[in-house]
Amino acid sequence: MTASATRFSRPRFALMVMLGVYPLITGLLYLVMPLTEGWSTWQRTLVIVPIMVGMMVWGLIPGVQRLFRGFLNPAVN
């Protein structure tokens, strides 16, 4: 029995991450905006970025890779 070769699709991965990042960043903005009223944009960003990066590295990206393995690694013909 031989395993079929696969090729990782960066465009598909980028699309799936984008679809995951959009609701995460939107939700974070809704949570942070009332708590940071009157803050500058760079200050809000300083609060949001570490949260977002942690959510992506330990949650979103591994989840996308696991859930969409077949879509991201199509068989090579």
PDB file of N, CA and C in Angstrom:
ATOM      1  N   MET A   1       0.855  -1.175   0.000  1.00  0.00           N
ATOM      2  CA  MET A   1       0.000   0.000   0.000  1.00  0.00           C
ATOM      3  C   MET A   1       0.897   1.233   0.000  1.00  0.00           C
ATOM      4  N   THR A   2       0.626   2.166  -0.892  1.00  0.00           N
ATOM      5  CA  THR A   2       1.417   3.391  -0.960  1.00  0.00           C
ATOM      6  C   THR A   2       0.541   4.585  -0.628  1.00  0.00           C
ATOM      7  N   ALA A   3       1.131   5.534   0.027  1.00  0.00           N
ATOM      8  CA  ALA A   3       0.403   6.755   0.362  1.00  0.00           C
ATOM      9  C   ALA A   3       0.473   7.700  -0.827  1.00  0.00           C
ATOM     10  N   SER A   4      -0.636   8.368  -1.115  1.00  0.00           N
ATOM     11  CA  SER A   4      -0.616   9.326  -2.218  1.00  0.00           C
ATOM     12  C   SER A   4       0.091  10.599  -1.771  1.00  0.00           C
ATOM     13  N   ALA A   5       0.807  11.195  -2.699  1.00  0.00           N
ATOM     14  CA  ALA A   5       1.544  12.416  -2.401  1.00  0.00           C
ATOM     15  C   ALA A   5       0.568  13.590  -2.300  1.00  0.00           C
ATOM     16  N   THR A   6       0.874  14.501  -1.409  1.00  0.00           N
ATOM     17  CA  THR A   6       0.051  15.704  -1.267  1.00  0.00           C
ATOM     18  C   THR A   6       0.934  16.932  -1.379  1.00  0.00           C
ATOM     19  N   ARG A   7       0.314  18.037  -1.675  1.00  0.00           N
ATOM     20  CA  ARG A   7       1.030  19.302  -1.768  1.00  0.00           C
ATOM     21  C   ARG A   7       0.259  20.331  -0.941  1.00  0.00           C
ATOM     22  N   PHE A   8       0.945  20.996  -0.012  1.00  0.00           N
ATOM     23  CA  PHE A   8       0.320  21.997   0.843  1.00  0.00           C
ATOM     24  C   PHE A   8      -0.046  23.217   0.005  1.00  0.00           C
ATOM     25  N   SER A   9      -1.274  23.679   0.120  1.00  0.00           N
ATOM     26  CA  SER A   9      -1.748  24.824  -0.649  1.00  0.00           C
ATOM     27  C   SER A   9      -1.717  26.084   0.209  1.00  0.00           C
ATOM     28  N   ARG A  10      -0.746  26.937  -0.038  1.00  0.00           N
ATOM     29  CA  ARG A  10      -0.646  28.204   0.701  1.00  0.00           C
ATOM     30  C   ARG A  10      -1.833  29.130   0.451  1.00  0.00           C
ATOM     31  N   PRO A  11      -2.316  29.265  -0.786  1.00  0.00           N
ATOM     32  CA  PRO A  11      -3.490  30.125  -0.992  1.00  0.00           C
ATOM     33  C   PRO A  11      -4.715  29.642  -0.225  1.00  0.00           C
ATOM     34  N   ARG A  12      -4.930  28.339  -0.186  1.00  0.00           N
ATOM     35  CA  ARG A  12      -6.070  27.802   0.558  1.00  0.00           C
ATOM     36  C   ARG A  12      -5.889  28.028   2.058  1.00  0.00           C
ATOM     37  N   PHE A  13      -4.661  27.845   2.536  1.00  0.00           N
ATOM     38  CA  PHE A  13      -4.371  28.076   3.949  1.00  0.00           C
ATOM     39  C   PHE A  13      -4.611  29.545   4.302  1.00  0.00           C
ATOM     40  N   ALA A  14      -4.132  30.451   3.446  1.00  0.00           N
ATOM     41  CA  ALA A  14      -4.332  31.884   3.681  1.00  0.00           C
ATOM     42  C   ALA A  14      -5.823  32.214   3.736  1.00  0.00           C
ATOM     43  N   LEU A  15      -6.599  31.639   2.843  1.00  0.00           N
ATOM     44  CA  LEU A  15      -8.045  31.873   2.831  1.00  0.00           C
ATOM     45  C   LEU A  15      -8.690  31.385   4.124  1.00  0.00           C
ATOM     46  N   MET A  16      -8.330  30.187   4.565  1.00  0.00           N
ATOM     47  CA  MET A  16      -8.926  29.633   5.778  1.00  0.00           C
ATOM     48  C   MET A  16      -8.524  30.441   7.014  1.00  0.00           C
ATOM     49  N   VAL A  17      -7.273  30.883   7.077  1.00  0.00           N
ATOM     50  CA  VAL A  17      -6.838  31.703   8.212  1.00  0.00           C
ATOM     51  C   VAL A  17      -7.565  33.039   8.185  1.00  0.00           C
ATOM     52  N   MET A  18      -7.704  33.628   7.007  1.00  0.00           N
ATOM     53  CA  MET A  18      -8.421  34.901   6.903  1.00  0.00           C
ATOM     54  C   MET A  18      -9.863  34.758   7.378  1.00  0.00           C
ATOM     55  N   LEU A  19     -10.507  33.661   7.010  1.00  0.00           N
ATOM     56  CA  LEU A  19     -11.885  33.434   7.441  1.00  0.00           C
ATOM     57  C   LEU A  19     -11.980  33.225   8.952  1.00  0.00           C
ATOM     58  N   GLY A  20     -10.915  32.744   9.564  1.00  0.00           N
ATOM     59  CA  GLY A  20     -10.893  32.585  11.015  1.00  0.00           C
ATOM     60  C   GLY A  20     -10.495  33.850  11.745  1.00  0.00           C
ATOM     61  N   VAL A  21      -9.580  34.619  11.158  1.00  0.00           N
ATOM     62  CA  VAL A  21      -9.087  35.840  11.811  1.00  0.00           C
ATOM     63  C   VAL A  21     -10.165  36.919  11.846  1.00  0.00           C
ATOM     64  N   TYR A  22     -10.937  37.028  10.781  1.00  0.00           N
ATOM     65  CA  TYR A  22     -11.936  38.097  10.726  1.00  0.00           C
ATOM     66  C   TYR A  22     -12.887  38.094  11.930  1.00  0.00           C
ATOM     67  N   PRO A  23     -13.537  36.972  12.242  1.00  0.00           N
ATOM     68  CA  PRO A  23     -14.431  37.010  13.410  1.00  0.00           C
ATOM     69  C   PRO A  23     -13.677  37.182  14.732  1.00  0.00           C
ATOM     70  N   LEU A  24     -12.446  36.653  14.828  1.00  0.00           N
ATOM     71  CA  LEU A  24     -11.678  36.834  16.063  1.00  0.00           C
ATOM     72  C   LEU A  24     -11.338  38.297  16.301  1.00  0.00           C
ATOM     73  N   ILE A  25     -10.821  38.968  15.287  1.00  0.00           N
ATOM     74  CA  ILE A  25     -10.426  40.370  15.463  1.00  0.00           C
ATOM     75  C   ILE A  25     -11.646  41.258  15.647  1.00  0.00           C
ATOM     76  N   THR A  26     -12.739  40.930  14.971  1.00  0.00           N
ATOM     77  CA  THR A  26     -13.967  41.715  15.136  1.00  0.00           C
ATOM     78  C   THR A  26     -14.485  41.572  16.562  1.00  0.00           C
ATOM     79  N   GLY A  27     -14.509  40.356  17.076  1.00  0.00           N
ATOM     80  CA  GLY A  27     -14.949  40.135  18.453  1.00  0.00           C
ATOM     81  C   GLY A  27     -14.046  40.830  19.463  1.00  0.00           C
ATOM     82  N   LEU A  28     -12.738  40.747  19.248  1.00  0.00           N
ATOM     83  CA  LEU A  28     -11.801  41.432  20.148  1.00  0.00           C
ATOM     84  C   LEU A  28     -12.022  42.939  20.140  1.00  0.00           C
ATOM     85  N   LEU A  29     -12.255  43.490  18.971  1.00  0.00           N
ATOM     86  CA  LEU A  29     -12.507  44.931  18.894  1.00  0.00           C
ATOM     87  C   LEU A  29     -13.764  45.317  19.661  1.00  0.00           C
ATOM     88  N   TYR A  30     -14.823  44.521  19.529  1.00  0.00           N
ATOM     89  CA  TYR A  30     -16.047  44.810  20.274  1.00  0.00           C
ATOM     90  C   TYR A  30     -15.828  44.711  21.786  1.00  0.00           C
ATOM     91  N   LEU A  31     -14.961  43.800  22.217  1.00  0.00           N
ATOM     92  CA  LEU A  31     -14.675  43.668  23.642  1.00  0.00           C
ATOM     93  C   LEU A  31     -13.772  44.778  24.164  1.00  0.00           C
ATOM     94  N   VAL A  32     -12.776  45.147  23.386  1.00  0.00           N
ATOM     95  CA  VAL A  32     -11.757  46.100  23.842  1.00  0.00           C
ATOM     96  C   VAL A  32     -12.207  47.554  23.700  1.00  0.00           C
ATOM     97  N   MET A  33     -12.965  47.868  22.668  1.00  0.00           N
ATOM     98  CA  MET A  33     -13.334  49.272  22.410  1.00  0.00           C
ATOM     99  C   MET A  33     -13.998  49.954  23.609  1.00  0.00           C
ATOM    100  N   PRO A  34     -14.989  49.353  24.259  1.00  0.00           N
ATOM    101  CA  PRO A  34     -15.599  50.054  25.395  1.00  0.00           C
ATOM    102  C   PRO A  34     -14.637  50.219  26.581  1.00  0.00           C
ATOM    103  N   LEU A  35     -13.707  49.283  26.725  1.00  0.00           N
ATOM    104  CA  LEU A  35     -12.754  49.353  27.838  1.00  0.00           C
ATOM    105  C   LEU A  35     -11.628  50.352  27.593  1.00  0.00           C
ATOM    106  N   THR A  36     -11.437  50.719  26.325  1.00  0.00           N
ATOM    107  CA  THR A  36     -10.321  51.599  25.975  1.00  0.00           C
ATOM    108  C   THR A  36     -10.805  52.898  25.335  1.00  0.00           C
ATOM    109  N   GLU A  37     -11.958  53.326  25.726  1.00  0.00           N
ATOM    110  CA  GLU A  37     -12.513  54.566  25.185  1.00  0.00           C
ATOM    111  C   GLU A  37     -11.566  55.729  25.476  1.00  0.00           C
ATOM    112  N   GLY A  38     -11.265  56.509  24.465  1.00  0.00           N
ATOM    113  CA  GLY A  38     -10.360  57.635  24.627  1.00  0.00           C
ATOM    114  C   GLY A  38      -8.895  57.291  24.374  1.00  0.00           C
ATOM    115  N   TRP A  39      -8.592  56.009  24.156  1.00  0.00           N
ATOM    116  CA  TRP A  39      -7.214  55.600  23.882  1.00  0.00           C
ATOM    117  C   TRP A  39      -6.881  55.860  22.416  1.00  0.00           C
ATOM    118  N   SER A  40      -5.615  56.018  22.133  1.00  0.00           N
ATOM    119  CA  SER A  40      -5.150  56.137  20.748  1.00  0.00           C
ATOM    120  C   SER A  40      -5.203  54.770  20.075  1.00  0.00           C
ATOM    121  N   THR A  41      -5.214  54.800  18.754  1.00  0.00           N
ATOM    122  CA  THR A  41      -5.250  53.550  17.989  1.00  0.00           C
ATOM    123  C   THR A  41      -4.055  52.668  18.317  1.00  0.00           C
ATOM    124  N   TRP A  42      -2.873  53.242  18.435  1.00  0.00           N
ATOM    125  CA  TRP A  42      -1.678  52.428  18.709  1.00  0.00           C
ATOM    126  C   TRP A  42      -1.768  51.757  20.081  1.00  0.00           C
ATOM    127  N   GLN A  43      -2.441  52.397  21.035  1.00  0.00           N
ATOM    128  CA  GLN A  43      -2.588  51.805  22.368  1.00  0.00           C
ATOM    129  C   GLN A  43      -3.558  50.618  22.329  1.00  0.00           C
ATOM    130  N   ARG A  44      -4.653  50.771  21.604  1.00  0.00           N
ATOM    131  CA  ARG A  44      -5.601  49.662  21.462  1.00  0.00           C
ATOM    132  C   ARG A  44      -4.936  48.496  20.749  1.00  0.00           C
ATOM    133  N   THR A  45      -4.176  48.812  19.711  1.00  0.00           N
ATOM    134  CA  THR A  45      -3.472  47.776  18.963  1.00  0.00           C
ATOM    135  C   THR A  45      -2.479  47.044  19.855  1.00  0.00           C
ATOM    136  N   LEU A  46      -1.816  47.781  20.741  1.00  0.00           N
ATOM    137  CA  LEU A  46      -0.852  47.183  21.668  1.00  0.00           C
ATOM    138  C   LEU A  46      -1.524  46.170  22.595  1.00  0.00           C
ATOM    139  N   VAL A  47      -2.780  46.386  22.914  1.00  0.00           N
ATOM    140  CA  VAL A  47      -3.534  45.458  23.759  1.00  0.00           C
ATOM    141  C   VAL A  47      -4.033  44.264  22.937  1.00  0.00           C
ATOM    142  N   ILE A  48      -4.526  44.521  21.733  1.00  0.00           N
ATOM    143  CA  ILE A  48      -5.165  43.489  20.927  1.00  0.00           C
ATOM    144  C   ILE A  48      -4.167  42.516  20.303  1.00  0.00           C
ATOM    145  N   VAL A  49      -3.017  43.009  19.843  1.00  0.00           N
ATOM    146  CA  VAL A  49      -2.075  42.162  19.103  1.00  0.00           C
ATOM    147  C   VAL A  49      -1.598  40.944  19.896  1.00  0.00           C
ATOM    148  N   PRO A  50      -1.145  41.079  21.144  1.00  0.00           N
ATOM    149  CA  PRO A  50      -0.709  39.865  21.855  1.00  0.00           C
ATOM    150  C   PRO A  50      -1.831  38.843  22.046  1.00  0.00           C
ATOM    151  N   ILE A  51      -3.038  39.309  22.283  1.00  0.00           N
ATOM    152  CA  ILE A  51      -4.183  38.410  22.433  1.00  0.00           C
ATOM    153  C   ILE A  51      -4.449  37.683  21.115  1.00  0.00           C
ATOM    154  N   MET A  52      -4.453  38.451  20.035  1.00  0.00           N
ATOM    155  CA  MET A  52      -4.722  37.886  18.721  1.00  0.00           C
ATOM    156  C   MET A  52      -3.654  36.886  18.308  1.00  0.00           C
ATOM    157  N   VAL A  53      -2.392  37.211  18.517  1.00  0.00           N
ATOM    158  CA  VAL A  53      -1.300  36.306  18.148  1.00  0.00           C
ATOM    159  C   VAL A  53      -1.403  34.999  18.942  1.00  0.00           C
ATOM    160  N   GLY A  54      -1.655  35.101  20.233  1.00  0.00           N
ATOM    161  CA  GLY A  54      -1.818  33.891  21.047  1.00  0.00           C
ATOM    162  C   GLY A  54      -2.972  33.037  20.564  1.00  0.00           C
ATOM    163  N   MET A  55      -4.093  33.661  20.238  1.00  0.00           N
ATOM    164  CA  MET A  55      -5.252  32.913  19.754  1.00  0.00           C
ATOM    165  C   MET A  55      -4.951  32.240  18.416  1.00  0.00           C
ATOM    166  N   MET A  56      -4.173  32.910  17.579  1.00  0.00           N
ATOM    167  CA  MET A  56      -3.834  32.333  16.285  1.00  0.00           C
ATOM    168  C   MET A  56      -2.844  31.174  16.422  1.00  0.00           C
ATOM    169  N   VAL A  57      -1.781  31.389  17.204  1.00  0.00           N
ATOM    170  CA  VAL A  57      -0.713  30.383  17.302  1.00  0.00           C
ATOM    171  C   VAL A  57      -1.178  29.124  18.018  1.00  0.00           C
ATOM    172  N   TRP A  58      -1.938  29.270  19.096  1.00  0.00           N
ATOM    173  CA  TRP A  58      -2.329  28.103  19.886  1.00  0.00           C
ATOM    174  C   TRP A  58      -3.757  27.633  19.639  1.00  0.00           C
ATOM    175  N   GLY A  59      -4.507  28.321  18.805  1.00  0.00           N
ATOM    176  CA  GLY A  59      -5.889  27.921  18.571  1.00  0.00           C
ATOM    177  C   GLY A  59      -6.264  27.867  17.106  1.00  0.00           C
ATOM    178  N   LEU A  60      -6.276  29.012  16.463  1.00  0.00           N
ATOM    179  CA  LEU A  60      -6.790  29.110  15.098  1.00  0.00           C
ATOM    180  C   LEU A  60      -5.968  28.300  14.096  1.00  0.00           C
ATOM    181  N   ILE A  61      -4.676  28.505  14.041  1.00  0.00           N
ATOM    182  CA  ILE A  61      -3.857  27.843  13.023  1.00  0.00           C
ATOM    183  C   ILE A  61      -3.829  26.325  13.219  1.00  0.00           C
ATOM    184  N   PRO A  62      -3.586  25.818  14.430  1.00  0.00           N
ATOM    185  CA  PRO A  62      -3.660  24.354  14.572  1.00  0.00           C
ATOM    186  C   PRO A  62      -5.050  23.799  14.251  1.00  0.00           C
ATOM    187  N   GLY A  63      -6.072  24.549  14.605  1.00  0.00           N
ATOM    188  CA  GLY A  63      -7.435  24.095  14.309  1.00  0.00           C
ATOM    189  C   GLY A  63      -7.718  24.050  12.818  1.00  0.00           C
ATOM    190  N   VAL A  64      -7.295  25.078  12.098  1.00  0.00           N
ATOM    191  CA  VAL A  64      -7.477  25.105  10.639  1.00  0.00           C
ATOM    192  C   VAL A  64      -6.713  23.956  10.005  1.00  0.00           C
ATOM    193  N   GLN A  65      -5.476  23.739  10.441  1.00  0.00           N
ATOM    194  CA  GLN A  65      -4.681  22.656   9.864  1.00  0.00           C
ATOM    195  C   GLN A  65      -5.300  21.287  10.137  1.00  0.00           C
ATOM    196  N   ARG A  66      -5.878  21.103  11.303  1.00  0.00           N
ATOM    197  CA  ARG A  66      -6.482  19.822  11.665  1.00  0.00           C
ATOM    198  C   ARG A  66      -7.824  19.616  10.952  1.00  0.00           C
ATOM    199  N   LEU A  67      -8.688  20.633  11.007  1.00  0.00           N
ATOM    200  CA  LEU A  67     -10.041  20.489  10.460  1.00  0.00           C
ATOM    201  C   LEU A  67     -10.078  20.454   8.936  1.00  0.00           C
ATOM    202  N   PHE A  68      -9.155  21.165   8.296  1.00  0.00           N
ATOM    203  CA  PHE A  68      -9.179  21.284   6.834  1.00  0.00           C
ATOM    204  C   PHE A  68      -7.977  20.614   6.181  1.00  0.00           C
ATOM    205  N   ARG A  69      -7.467  19.564   6.813  1.00  0.00           N
ATOM    206  CA  ARG A  69      -6.280  18.850   6.314  1.00  0.00           C
ATOM    207  C   ARG A  69      -6.435  18.439   4.851  1.00  0.00           C
ATOM    208  N   GLY A  70      -7.548  17.838   4.493  1.00  0.00           N
ATOM    209  CA  GLY A  70      -7.763  17.388   3.116  1.00  0.00           C
ATOM    210  C   GLY A  70      -7.858  18.520   2.123  1.00  0.00           C
ATOM    211  N   PHE A  71      -8.449  19.629   2.521  1.00  0.00           N
ATOM    212  CA  PHE A  71      -8.590  20.794   1.641  1.00  0.00           C
ATOM    213  C   PHE A  71      -7.240  21.488   1.456  1.00  0.00           C
ATOM    214  N   LEU A  72      -6.447  21.550   2.524  1.00  0.00           N
ATOM    215  CA  LEU A  72      -5.163  22.250   2.462  1.00  0.00           C
ATOM    216  C   LEU A  72      -4.058  21.429   1.823  1.00  0.00           C
ATOM    217  N   ASN A  73      -4.194  20.108   1.843  1.00  0.00           N
ATOM    218  CA  ASN A  73      -3.184  19.204   1.294  1.00  0.00           C
ATOM    219  C   ASN A  73      -3.796  18.340   0.199  1.00  0.00           C
ATOM    220  N   PRO A  74      -4.139  18.953  -0.949  1.00  0.00           N
ATOM    221  CA  PRO A  74      -4.768  18.147  -2.009  1.00  0.00           C
ATOM    222  C   PRO A  74      -3.782  17.134  -2.581  1.00  0.00           C
ATOM    223  N   ALA A  75      -4.316  16.034  -3.055  1.00  0.00           N
ATOM    224  CA  ALA A  75      -3.481  14.992  -3.664  1.00  0.00           C
ATOM    225  C   ALA A  75      -2.843  15.523  -4.941  1.00  0.00           C
ATOM    226  N   VAL A  76      -1.597  15.139  -5.151  1.00  0.00           N
ATOM    227  CA  VAL A  76      -0.873  15.519  -6.370  1.00  0.00           C
ATOM    228  C   VAL A  76      -1.203  14.505  -7.445  1.00  0.00           C
ATOM    229  N   ASN A  77      -1.611  14.999  -8.598  1.00  0.00           N
ATOM    230  CA  ASN A  77      -1.966  14.092  -9.712  1.00  0.00           C
ATOM    231  C   ASN A  77      -0.770  13.777 -10.551  1.00  0.00           C
TER     232      ASN A  77
END
